[in-house]
Amino acid sequence: MAREEIILRLGMIEQEMNKLQEHLQLIEQNILELQNLQMSLQELKDSKEKQMLANLGKNIFIETEVQNKNLFVDVGNKTFVKKNIPETIKIIEEQISKLMQAKNHVLGKMQETQQQAQSIIAEAEKSESEKTKKED
């Protein structure tokens, strides 16, 4: 295998590993956000308080009064369905489970890609060793 080909193949593998790493970070971030949401919903479910601060986004809050604990959940295509807290927590658990499966898939792909790189390096080292022996 030519040195240029090795460098090219390893460069492609490095790019693939970078993409997989970015994808893994995104999945982990989504898992963390869903876990935080799940904890917040559990706290809301257990709370007897009628007053709370609702996050409008970007750490801006408004004081609100909880009239009931029904939630409106986006189930896709901007379609909202009324759900209670336990139903919503179940949906979140399912989403976390799917993200964990995706995370495991990405980790598997990363391991395969790493093995490809090691194989290329081993092949190059073997080729270089044989070349050195012929020169001697």
C-alpha atoms as a PDB file:
ATOM      1  CA  MET A   1       0.000   0.000   0.000  1.00  0.00           C
ATOM      2  CA  ALA A   2       1.438   3.372  -1.018  1.00  0.00           C
ATOM      3  CA  ARG A   3       2.161   5.969   1.626  1.00  0.00           C
ATOM      4  CA  GLU A   4      -0.194   8.466  -0.053  1.00  0.00           C
ATOM      5  CA  GLU A   5      -3.009   5.932  -0.030  1.00  0.00           C
ATOM      6  CA  ILE A   6      -2.439   5.254   3.677  1.00  0.00           C
ATOM      7  CA  ILE A   7      -2.518   8.948   4.487  1.00  0.00           C
ATOM      8  CA  LEU A   8      -5.677   9.413   2.427  1.00  0.00           C
ATOM      9  CA  ARG A   9      -7.461   6.460   4.050  1.00  0.00           C
ATOM     10  CA  LEU A  10      -6.450   7.526   7.558  1.00  0.00           C
ATOM     11  CA  GLY A  11      -7.615  11.081   6.801  1.00  0.00           C
ATOM     12  CA  MET A  12     -11.005   9.773   5.721  1.00  0.00           C
ATOM     13  CA  ILE A  13     -11.244   7.684   8.878  1.00  0.00           C
ATOM     14  CA  GLU A  14     -10.343  10.708  10.991  1.00  0.00           C
ATOM     15  CA  GLN A  15     -13.128  12.719   9.332  1.00  0.00           C
ATOM     16  CA  GLU A  16     -15.576   9.889   9.985  1.00  0.00           C
ATOM     17  CA  MET A  17     -14.503   9.697  13.642  1.00  0.00           C
ATOM     18  CA  ASN A  18     -14.995  13.468  14.005  1.00  0.00           C
ATOM     19  CA  LYS A  19     -18.523  13.215  12.565  1.00  0.00           C
ATOM     20  CA  LEU A  20     -19.347  10.301  14.855  1.00  0.00           C
ATOM     21  CA  GLN A  21     -17.964  12.204  17.871  1.00  0.00           C
ATOM     22  CA  GLU A  22     -20.124  15.233  17.045  1.00  0.00           C
ATOM     23  CA  HIS A  23     -23.157  12.997  16.642  1.00  0.00           C
ATOM     24  CA  LEU A  24     -22.394  11.298  19.958  1.00  0.00           C
ATOM     25  CA  GLN A  25     -22.129  14.657  21.738  1.00  0.00           C
ATOM     26  CA  LEU A  26     -25.476  15.757  20.309  1.00  0.00           C
ATOM     27  CA  ILE A  27     -27.134  12.522  21.455  1.00  0.00           C
ATOM     28  CA  GLU A  28     -25.638  12.850  24.943  1.00  0.00           C
ATOM     29  CA  GLN A  29     -26.809  16.470  25.163  1.00  0.00           C
ATOM     30  CA  ASN A  30     -30.358  15.440  24.213  1.00  0.00           C
ATOM     31  CA  ILE A  31     -30.323  12.621  26.775  1.00  0.00           C
ATOM     32  CA  LEU A  32     -29.219  15.044  29.492  1.00  0.00           C
ATOM     33  CA  GLU A  33     -31.923  17.566  28.556  1.00  0.00           C
ATOM     34  CA  LEU A  34     -34.608  14.868  28.626  1.00  0.00           C
ATOM     35  CA  GLN A  35     -33.372  13.556  31.983  1.00  0.00           C
ATOM     36  CA  ASN A  36     -33.523  17.092  33.410  1.00  0.00           C
ATOM     37  CA  LEU A  37     -37.034  17.506  32.021  1.00  0.00           C
ATOM     38  CA  GLN A  38     -38.033  14.180  33.525  1.00  0.00           C
ATOM     39  CA  MET A  39     -36.770  15.298  36.967  1.00  0.00           C
ATOM     40  CA  SER A  40     -38.603  18.626  36.660  1.00  0.00           C
ATOM     41  CA  LEU A  41     -41.850  16.871  35.793  1.00  0.00           C
ATOM     42  CA  GLN A  42     -41.438  14.529  38.753  1.00  0.00           C
ATOM     43  CA  GLU A  43     -40.911  17.538  41.031  1.00  0.00           C
ATOM     44  CA  LEU A  44     -44.026  19.205  39.572  1.00  0.00           C
ATOM     45  CA  LYS A  45     -46.017  16.013  40.070  1.00  0.00           C
ATOM     46  CA  ASP A  46     -44.972  15.743  43.718  1.00  0.00           C
ATOM     47  CA  SER A  47     -45.327  19.456  44.493  1.00  0.00           C
ATOM     48  CA  LYS A  48     -48.303  20.853  46.366  1.00  0.00           C
ATOM     49  CA  GLU A  49     -47.345  24.421  45.460  1.00  0.00           C
ATOM     50  CA  LYS A  50     -49.731  26.431  43.308  1.00  0.00           C
ATOM     51  CA  GLN A  51     -47.154  29.108  42.426  1.00  0.00           C
ATOM     52  CA  MET A  52     -44.157  28.397  40.226  1.00  0.00           C
ATOM     53  CA  LEU A  53     -41.672  30.033  37.902  1.00  0.00           C
ATOM     54  CA  ALA A  54     -42.074  29.010  34.264  1.00  0.00           C
ATOM     55  CA  ASN A  55     -39.026  29.258  32.023  1.00  0.00           C
ATOM     56  CA  LEU A  56     -39.797  31.233  28.863  1.00  0.00           C
ATOM     57  CA  GLY A  57     -36.336  30.437  27.479  1.00  0.00           C
ATOM     58  CA  LYS A  58     -32.813  31.831  27.807  1.00  0.00           C
ATOM     59  CA  ASN A  59     -33.196  31.847  31.624  1.00  0.00           C
ATOM     60  CA  ILE A  60     -36.121  34.253  31.587  1.00  0.00           C
ATOM     61  CA  PHE A  61     -38.894  33.209  33.976  1.00  0.00           C
ATOM     62  CA  ILE A  62     -42.438  34.272  34.691  1.00  0.00           C
ATOM     63  CA  GLU A  63     -44.360  33.616  37.874  1.00  0.00           C
ATOM     64  CA  THR A  64     -47.406  31.480  37.172  1.00  0.00           C
ATOM     65  CA  GLU A  65     -50.177  29.782  39.060  1.00  0.00           C
ATOM     66  CA  VAL A  66     -50.733  26.081  38.449  1.00  0.00           C
ATOM     67  CA  GLN A  67     -54.445  25.506  37.890  1.00  0.00           C
ATOM     68  CA  ASN A  68     -54.052  21.853  36.948  1.00  0.00           C
ATOM     69  CA  LYS A  69     -51.190  19.554  36.113  1.00  0.00           C
ATOM     70  CA  ASN A  70     -52.250  18.596  32.605  1.00  0.00           C
ATOM     71  CA  LEU A  71     -49.622  19.231  29.965  1.00  0.00           C
ATOM     72  CA  PHE A  72     -49.829  19.875  26.247  1.00  0.00           C
ATOM     73  CA  VAL A  73     -47.296  17.666  24.494  1.00  0.00           C
ATOM     74  CA  ASP A  74     -46.166  18.123  20.890  1.00  0.00           C
ATOM     75  CA  VAL A  75     -46.553  14.694  19.276  1.00  0.00           C
ATOM     76  CA  GLY A  76     -45.238  15.840  15.888  1.00  0.00           C
ATOM     77  CA  ASN A  77     -46.215  18.200  13.101  1.00  0.00           C
ATOM     78  CA  LYS A  78     -47.119  20.830  15.707  1.00  0.00           C
ATOM     79  CA  THR A  79     -49.954  18.631  16.946  1.00  0.00           C
ATOM     80  CA  PHE A  80     -50.470  19.010  20.690  1.00  0.00           C
ATOM     81  CA  VAL A  81     -52.166  16.428  22.866  1.00  0.00           C
ATOM     82  CA  LYS A  82     -53.227  16.860  26.483  1.00  0.00           C
ATOM     83  CA  LYS A  83     -51.296  14.452  28.733  1.00  0.00           C
ATOM     84  CA  ASN A  84     -50.924  14.044  32.460  1.00  0.00           C
ATOM     85  CA  ILE A  85     -47.481  14.037  34.051  1.00  0.00           C
ATOM     86  CA  PRO A  86     -47.043  10.224  34.313  1.00  0.00           C
ATOM     87  CA  GLU A  87     -47.991   9.831  30.627  1.00  0.00           C
ATOM     88  CA  THR A  88     -45.525  12.541  29.682  1.00  0.00           C
ATOM     89  CA  ILE A  89     -42.762  10.972  31.775  1.00  0.00           C
ATOM     90  CA  LYS A  90     -43.409   7.679  29.971  1.00  0.00           C
ATOM     91  CA  ILE A  91     -43.003   9.432  26.596  1.00  0.00           C
ATOM     92  CA  ILE A  92     -39.736  10.964  27.798  1.00  0.00           C
ATOM     93  CA  GLU A  93     -38.486   7.578  29.013  1.00  0.00           C
ATOM     94  CA  GLU A  94     -39.209   6.126  25.557  1.00  0.00           C
ATOM     95  CA  GLN A  95     -37.313   8.990  23.920  1.00  0.00           C
ATOM     96  CA  ILE A  96     -34.354   8.468  26.266  1.00  0.00           C
ATOM     97  CA  SER A  97     -34.396   4.744  25.454  1.00  0.00           C
ATOM     98  CA  LYS A  98     -34.301   5.473  21.703  1.00  0.00           C
ATOM     99  CA  LEU A  99     -31.456   7.934  22.204  1.00  0.00           C
ATOM    100  CA  MET A 100     -29.525   5.356  24.260  1.00  0.00           C
ATOM    101  CA  GLN A 101     -29.926   2.881  21.384  1.00  0.00           C
ATOM    102  CA  ALA A 102     -28.654   5.522  18.963  1.00  0.00           C
ATOM    103  CA  LYS A 103     -25.741   6.254  21.304  1.00  0.00           C
ATOM    104  CA  ASN A 104     -24.811   2.565  21.416  1.00  0.00           C
ATOM    105  CA  HIS A 105     -25.034   2.393  17.620  1.00  0.00           C
ATOM    106  CA  VAL A 106     -22.699   5.383  17.245  1.00  0.00           C
ATOM    107  CA  LEU A 107     -20.274   3.911  19.800  1.00  0.00           C
ATOM    108  CA  GLY A 108     -20.266   0.670  17.791  1.00  0.00           C
ATOM    109  CA  LYS A 109     -19.547   2.573  14.576  1.00  0.00           C
ATOM    110  CA  MET A 110     -16.736   4.444  16.332  1.00  0.00           C
ATOM    111  CA  GLN A 111     -15.221   1.158  17.462  1.00  0.00           C
ATOM    112  CA  GLU A 112     -15.457  -0.273  13.920  1.00  0.00           C
ATOM    113  CA  THR A 113     -13.843   2.849  12.495  1.00  0.00           C
ATOM    114  CA  GLN A 114     -11.056   2.685  15.060  1.00  0.00           C
ATOM    115  CA  GLN A 115     -10.441  -0.958  14.149  1.00  0.00           C
ATOM    116  CA  GLN A 116     -10.235   0.022  10.467  1.00  0.00           C
ATOM    117  CA  ALA A 117      -7.587   2.603  11.313  1.00  0.00           C
ATOM    118  CA  GLN A 118      -5.613   0.085  13.352  1.00  0.00           C
ATOM    119  CA  SER A 119      -5.843  -2.404  10.494  1.00  0.00           C
ATOM    120  CA  ILE A 120      -4.531   0.148   8.004  1.00  0.00           C
ATOM    121  CA  ILE A 121      -1.672   1.065  10.333  1.00  0.00           C
ATOM    122  CA  ALA A 122      -0.792  -2.606  10.907  1.00  0.00           C
ATOM    123  CA  GLU A 123      -0.877  -3.265   7.160  1.00  0.00           C
ATOM    124  CA  ALA A 124       1.352  -0.259   6.521  1.00  0.00           C
ATOM    125  CA  GLU A 125       3.807  -1.354   9.211  1.00  0.00           C
ATOM    126  CA  LYS A 126       3.922  -4.866   7.747  1.00  0.00           C
ATOM    127  CA  SER A 127       4.491  -3.465   4.272  1.00  0.00           C
ATOM    128  CA  GLU A 128       7.260  -1.183   5.556  1.00  0.00           C
ATOM    129  CA  SER A 129       8.869  -4.074   7.440  1.00  0.00           C
ATOM    130  CA  GLU A 130       8.845  -6.273   4.319  1.00  0.00           C
ATOM    131  CA  LYS A 131      10.281  -3.427   2.276  1.00  0.00           C
ATOM    132  CA  THR A 132      13.093  -2.967   4.804  1.00  0.00           C
ATOM    133  CA  LYS A 133      13.884  -6.711   4.755  1.00  0.00           C
ATOM    134  CA  LYS A 134      14.158  -6.694   0.953  1.00  0.00           C
ATOM    135  CA  GLU A 135      16.585  -3.774   1.106  1.00  0.00           C
ATOM    136  CA  ASP A 136      18.840  -5.643   3.534  1.00  0.00           C
END
